[in-house]
Amino acid sequence: MRTAFWFAVAFGIFLAAGLATLKYVVLPKVGEYQGEILARVSEASGMDVSAKHLRGGWSGFTPFVEMEEVLFREPAKVTSPSSGDRTGGAIALSLPLVRAAVSIP
C-alpha cells in the first residue's frame, strides 16, 4: 500500500514538472523553431510552405501552437498534368490562421 502511494506521489510530481516545462520553457520558444517546423510541413505536404508568424502558448489548460498567414505554394517543378495552368510558386492555398491545440481533460 505504501509503495502505491509513493508511486502515485512520484508520478504526480513528474507529471507536474513535465507540464511546467512545456508551459514555461518549450512553448514560449516555439517561434525559434519556425524554420524547422515549416520544413517538416513542406516535406509532408510536398508543397512550399511559408508562415508570417509562429507562436505557442496556453489558453486555460490547453497548450496550442498558432501560425499566421500560412501560404502553401506549388513546388518549383510542377510535374502533374492535372495541375492545369498553375505554375511553380503559385499560391495553392492561403490560410489566415492555423491553430493546433491539445485538450487535456
N, C-alpha and C. Protein backbone atom coordinates (compact mmCIF):
# COMPACT_ATOMS: atom_id res chain seq x y z
N MET A 1 0.82 -1.19 0.00
CA MET A 1 0.00 0.00 0.00
C MET A 1 0.87 1.25 0.00
N ARG A 2 1.93 1.24 0.82
CA ARG A 2 2.83 2.39 0.87
C ARG A 2 3.51 2.62 -0.47
N THR A 3 3.89 1.55 -1.12
CA THR A 3 4.57 1.65 -2.40
C THR A 3 3.67 2.31 -3.43
N ALA A 4 2.41 1.93 -3.45
CA ALA A 4 1.47 2.52 -4.40
C ALA A 4 1.29 4.01 -4.13
N PHE A 5 1.24 4.38 -2.87
CA PHE A 5 1.09 5.79 -2.51
C PHE A 5 2.29 6.59 -3.00
N TRP A 6 3.51 6.12 -2.73
CA TRP A 6 4.70 6.85 -3.14
C TRP A 6 4.87 6.85 -4.66
N PHE A 7 4.43 5.79 -5.28
CA PHE A 7 4.44 5.77 -6.74
C PHE A 7 3.50 6.84 -7.29
N ALA A 8 2.32 6.97 -6.73
CA ALA A 8 1.36 7.98 -7.17
C ALA A 8 1.90 9.39 -6.92
N VAL A 9 2.55 9.60 -5.78
CA VAL A 9 3.15 10.91 -5.48
C VAL A 9 4.26 11.23 -6.49
N ALA A 10 5.14 10.26 -6.75
CA ALA A 10 6.23 10.46 -7.71
C ALA A 10 5.69 10.72 -9.11
N PHE A 11 4.64 9.99 -9.50
CA PHE A 11 4.03 10.21 -10.81
C PHE A 11 3.43 11.60 -10.91
N GLY A 12 2.76 12.05 -9.86
CA GLY A 12 2.18 13.39 -9.85
C GLY A 12 3.23 14.48 -9.97
N ILE A 13 4.33 14.32 -9.27
CA ILE A 13 5.42 15.30 -9.35
C ILE A 13 6.03 15.29 -10.75
N PHE A 14 6.24 14.12 -11.31
CA PHE A 14 6.78 14.00 -12.66
C PHE A 14 5.86 14.65 -13.69
N LEU A 15 4.57 14.42 -13.57
CA LEU A 15 3.59 14.99 -14.48
C LEU A 15 3.55 16.52 -14.36
N ALA A 16 3.56 17.02 -13.13
CA ALA A 16 3.55 18.47 -12.91
C ALA A 16 4.82 19.12 -13.47
N ALA A 17 5.97 18.47 -13.28
CA ALA A 17 7.23 19.01 -13.81
C ALA A 17 7.21 19.02 -15.33
N GLY A 18 6.65 17.99 -15.93
CA GLY A 18 6.56 17.94 -17.40
C GLY A 18 5.66 19.04 -17.95
N LEU A 19 4.52 19.25 -17.33
CA LEU A 19 3.61 20.30 -17.78
C LEU A 19 4.21 21.69 -17.56
N ALA A 20 4.90 21.89 -16.45
CA ALA A 20 5.53 23.19 -16.20
C ALA A 20 6.64 23.46 -17.21
N THR A 21 7.40 22.43 -17.56
CA THR A 21 8.44 22.59 -18.58
C THR A 21 7.82 22.94 -19.92
N LEU A 22 6.75 22.28 -20.28
CA LEU A 22 6.07 22.58 -21.53
C LEU A 22 5.54 24.01 -21.54
N LYS A 23 4.95 24.42 -20.44
CA LYS A 23 4.33 25.75 -20.38
C LYS A 23 5.35 26.88 -20.33
N TYR A 24 6.39 26.74 -19.56
CA TYR A 24 7.30 27.86 -19.33
C TYR A 24 8.61 27.81 -20.12
N VAL A 25 8.94 26.65 -20.69
CA VAL A 25 10.22 26.53 -21.41
C VAL A 25 10.00 26.27 -22.90
N VAL A 26 9.19 25.28 -23.23
CA VAL A 26 9.07 24.85 -24.62
C VAL A 26 8.18 25.77 -25.45
N LEU A 27 6.95 25.97 -25.05
CA LEU A 27 6.00 26.73 -25.87
C LEU A 27 6.38 28.19 -26.08
N PRO A 28 6.92 28.89 -25.10
CA PRO A 28 7.30 30.28 -25.38
C PRO A 28 8.41 30.40 -26.43
N LYS A 29 9.21 29.35 -26.62
CA LYS A 29 10.31 29.39 -27.58
C LYS A 29 10.00 28.71 -28.90
N VAL A 30 8.75 28.33 -29.13
CA VAL A 30 8.41 27.59 -30.34
C VAL A 30 8.67 28.42 -31.60
N GLY A 31 8.60 29.72 -31.51
CA GLY A 31 8.87 30.58 -32.66
C GLY A 31 10.30 30.45 -33.17
N GLU A 32 11.22 30.07 -32.29
CA GLU A 32 12.61 29.87 -32.69
C GLU A 32 12.78 28.68 -33.63
N TYR A 33 11.81 27.80 -33.65
CA TYR A 33 11.87 26.60 -34.48
C TYR A 33 10.99 26.71 -35.72
N GLN A 34 10.60 27.92 -36.09
CA GLN A 34 9.69 28.13 -37.21
C GLN A 34 10.23 27.51 -38.50
N GLY A 35 11.51 27.72 -38.78
CA GLY A 35 12.09 27.16 -40.00
C GLY A 35 12.02 25.64 -40.04
N GLU A 36 12.35 25.01 -38.93
CA GLU A 36 12.32 23.56 -38.87
C GLU A 36 10.89 23.01 -38.97
N ILE A 37 9.96 23.66 -38.32
CA ILE A 37 8.56 23.22 -38.37
C ILE A 37 8.02 23.36 -39.78
N LEU A 38 8.27 24.50 -40.42
CA LEU A 38 7.78 24.71 -41.78
C LEU A 38 8.45 23.75 -42.77
N ALA A 39 9.72 23.42 -42.54
CA ALA A 39 10.40 22.45 -43.40
C ALA A 39 9.72 21.08 -43.31
N ARG A 40 9.32 20.69 -42.12
CA ARG A 40 8.64 19.39 -41.96
C ARG A 40 7.25 19.41 -42.58
N VAL A 41 6.55 20.54 -42.45
CA VAL A 41 5.22 20.65 -43.08
C VAL A 41 5.39 20.61 -44.60
N SER A 42 6.41 21.28 -45.12
CA SER A 42 6.67 21.26 -46.56
C SER A 42 6.98 19.85 -47.04
N GLU A 43 7.80 19.15 -46.29
CA GLU A 43 8.15 17.77 -46.64
C GLU A 43 6.93 16.87 -46.64
N ALA A 44 6.09 17.03 -45.64
CA ALA A 44 4.90 16.17 -45.52
C ALA A 44 3.86 16.48 -46.60
N SER A 45 3.72 17.76 -46.97
CA SER A 45 2.70 18.15 -47.94
C SER A 45 3.20 18.11 -49.38
N GLY A 46 4.52 18.14 -49.58
CA GLY A 46 5.06 18.18 -50.92
C GLY A 46 4.94 19.54 -51.58
N MET A 47 4.64 20.55 -50.80
CA MET A 47 4.49 21.91 -51.32
C MET A 47 5.42 22.84 -50.55
N ASP A 48 5.68 24.01 -51.14
CA ASP A 48 6.45 25.02 -50.43
C ASP A 48 5.51 25.72 -49.46
N VAL A 49 5.89 25.79 -48.19
CA VAL A 49 5.03 26.36 -47.15
C VAL A 49 5.76 27.51 -46.48
N SER A 50 5.03 28.60 -46.26
CA SER A 50 5.59 29.73 -45.52
C SER A 50 4.54 30.25 -44.54
N ALA A 51 5.01 30.87 -43.48
CA ALA A 51 4.11 31.47 -42.49
C ALA A 51 4.76 32.75 -41.99
N LYS A 52 3.93 33.74 -41.74
CA LYS A 52 4.46 35.02 -41.28
C LYS A 52 4.89 34.95 -39.82
N HIS A 53 4.13 34.25 -39.01
CA HIS A 53 4.41 34.24 -37.57
C HIS A 53 4.01 32.90 -36.97
N LEU A 54 4.82 32.41 -36.05
CA LEU A 54 4.54 31.16 -35.35
C LEU A 54 4.70 31.42 -33.86
N ARG A 55 3.72 31.01 -33.08
CA ARG A 55 3.82 31.19 -31.63
C ARG A 55 3.10 30.06 -30.91
N GLY A 56 3.50 29.86 -29.69
CA GLY A 56 2.87 28.84 -28.85
C GLY A 56 2.46 29.46 -27.54
N GLY A 57 1.54 28.83 -26.88
CA GLY A 57 1.09 29.34 -25.59
C GLY A 57 0.05 28.44 -24.96
N TRP A 58 -0.62 28.98 -23.99
CA TRP A 58 -1.66 28.25 -23.27
C TRP A 58 -2.93 29.08 -23.24
N SER A 59 -4.05 28.40 -23.36
CA SER A 59 -5.36 29.01 -23.19
C SER A 59 -6.08 28.16 -22.16
N GLY A 60 -6.15 28.67 -20.94
CA GLY A 60 -6.69 27.86 -19.86
C GLY A 60 -5.73 26.73 -19.57
N PHE A 61 -6.18 25.50 -19.74
CA PHE A 61 -5.33 24.33 -19.51
C PHE A 61 -5.06 23.61 -20.83
N THR A 62 -5.09 24.39 -21.94
CA THR A 62 -4.91 23.82 -23.27
C THR A 62 -3.69 24.43 -23.95
N PRO A 63 -2.63 23.65 -24.18
CA PRO A 63 -1.48 24.18 -24.92
C PRO A 63 -1.83 24.27 -26.41
N PHE A 64 -1.28 25.29 -27.10
CA PHE A 64 -1.57 25.46 -28.52
C PHE A 64 -0.35 26.00 -29.25
N VAL A 65 -0.36 25.80 -30.56
CA VAL A 65 0.62 26.38 -31.47
C VAL A 65 -0.19 27.04 -32.58
N GLU A 66 0.14 28.29 -32.91
CA GLU A 66 -0.56 29.03 -33.96
C GLU A 66 0.42 29.49 -35.03
N MET A 67 -0.02 29.44 -36.27
CA MET A 67 0.72 30.01 -37.39
C MET A 67 -0.20 31.00 -38.09
N GLU A 68 0.32 32.20 -38.37
CA GLU A 68 -0.46 33.23 -39.05
C GLU A 68 0.00 33.36 -40.50
N GLU A 69 -0.96 33.67 -41.36
CA GLU A 69 -0.73 33.90 -42.79
C GLU A 69 0.09 32.77 -43.41
N VAL A 70 -0.49 31.58 -43.37
CA VAL A 70 0.16 30.39 -43.90
C VAL A 70 -0.14 30.29 -45.40
N LEU A 71 0.91 30.14 -46.20
CA LEU A 71 0.76 30.00 -47.65
C LEU A 71 1.34 28.67 -48.10
N PHE A 72 0.55 27.93 -48.84
CA PHE A 72 1.02 26.73 -49.50
C PHE A 72 1.19 27.08 -50.97
N ARG A 73 2.40 26.90 -51.48
CA ARG A 73 2.70 27.23 -52.88
C ARG A 73 3.02 25.97 -53.65
N GLU A 74 2.71 26.03 -54.95
CA GLU A 74 3.07 24.92 -55.83
C GLU A 74 4.58 24.74 -55.80
N PRO A 75 5.05 23.50 -55.82
CA PRO A 75 6.50 23.30 -55.85
C PRO A 75 7.11 23.91 -57.11
N ALA A 76 8.41 24.17 -57.06
CA ALA A 76 9.09 24.81 -58.19
C ALA A 76 8.92 24.00 -59.47
N LYS A 77 8.94 22.70 -59.37
CA LYS A 77 8.77 21.84 -60.54
C LYS A 77 7.44 21.12 -60.45
N VAL A 78 6.44 21.64 -61.13
CA VAL A 78 5.13 21.02 -61.16
C VAL A 78 5.15 19.99 -62.28
N THR A 79 4.98 18.72 -61.92
CA THR A 79 5.07 17.65 -62.92
C THR A 79 3.73 17.00 -63.20
N SER A 80 2.72 17.32 -62.43
CA SER A 80 1.42 16.69 -62.61
C SER A 80 0.67 17.30 -63.79
N PRO A 81 0.17 16.47 -64.69
CA PRO A 81 -0.60 17.01 -65.81
C PRO A 81 -1.93 17.61 -65.36
N SER A 82 -2.39 17.25 -64.17
CA SER A 82 -3.67 17.77 -63.67
C SER A 82 -3.51 19.14 -63.01
N SER A 83 -2.29 19.68 -63.00
CA SER A 83 -2.07 20.95 -62.33
C SER A 83 -2.66 22.12 -63.10
N GLY A 84 -3.09 21.90 -64.33
CA GLY A 84 -3.74 22.96 -65.11
C GLY A 84 -2.80 24.10 -65.41
N ASP A 85 -3.29 25.31 -65.19
CA ASP A 85 -2.48 26.49 -65.52
C ASP A 85 -1.63 26.99 -64.35
N ARG A 86 -1.56 26.24 -63.27
CA ARG A 86 -0.74 26.66 -62.13
C ARG A 86 0.73 26.46 -62.45
N THR A 87 1.51 27.40 -62.08
CA THR A 87 2.95 27.31 -62.30
C THR A 87 3.65 27.16 -60.97
N GLY A 88 4.91 26.79 -61.02
CA GLY A 88 5.69 26.66 -59.80
C GLY A 88 5.72 27.97 -59.04
N GLY A 89 5.48 27.91 -57.75
CA GLY A 89 5.48 29.11 -56.90
C GLY A 89 4.13 29.78 -56.77
N ALA A 90 3.13 29.34 -57.55
CA ALA A 90 1.79 29.93 -57.46
C ALA A 90 1.14 29.51 -56.14
N ILE A 91 0.38 30.40 -55.55
CA ILE A 91 -0.29 30.11 -54.28
C ILE A 91 -1.42 29.11 -54.52
N ALA A 92 -1.34 27.98 -53.85
CA ALA A 92 -2.37 26.95 -53.96
C ALA A 92 -3.40 27.07 -52.84
N LEU A 93 -2.96 27.52 -51.66
CA LEU A 93 -3.86 27.64 -50.51
C LEU A 93 -3.32 28.72 -49.58
N SER A 94 -4.20 29.60 -49.15
CA SER A 94 -3.83 30.66 -48.21
C SER A 94 -4.73 30.56 -46.98
N LEU A 95 -4.12 30.44 -45.80
CA LEU A 95 -4.88 30.32 -44.56
C LEU A 95 -4.49 31.47 -43.63
N PRO A 96 -5.44 32.28 -43.19
CA PRO A 96 -5.09 33.40 -42.32
C PRO A 96 -4.58 32.96 -40.94
N LEU A 97 -5.09 31.83 -40.43
CA LEU A 97 -4.68 31.36 -39.10
C LEU A 97 -4.84 29.84 -39.03
N VAL A 98 -3.79 29.18 -38.55
CA VAL A 98 -3.84 27.74 -38.30
C VAL A 98 -3.49 27.55 -36.83
N ARG A 99 -4.36 26.85 -36.12
CA ARG A 99 -4.16 26.65 -34.68
C ARG A 99 -4.29 25.17 -34.35
N ALA A 100 -3.27 24.63 -33.72
CA ALA A 100 -3.31 23.25 -33.25
C ALA A 100 -3.28 23.27 -31.73
N ALA A 101 -4.23 22.59 -31.13
CA ALA A 101 -4.33 22.57 -29.67
C ALA A 101 -4.54 21.15 -29.17
N VAL A 102 -4.03 20.90 -27.98
CA VAL A 102 -4.23 19.60 -27.34
C VAL A 102 -5.08 19.83 -26.10
N SER A 103 -6.22 19.19 -26.07
CA SER A 103 -7.11 19.33 -24.93
C SER A 103 -6.73 18.31 -23.86
N ILE A 104 -6.40 18.80 -22.70
CA ILE A 104 -6.02 17.92 -21.60
C ILE A 104 -7.22 17.83 -20.66
N PRO A 105 -7.82 16.63 -20.55
CA PRO A 105 -9.03 16.52 -19.72
C PRO A 105 -8.76 16.72 -18.26
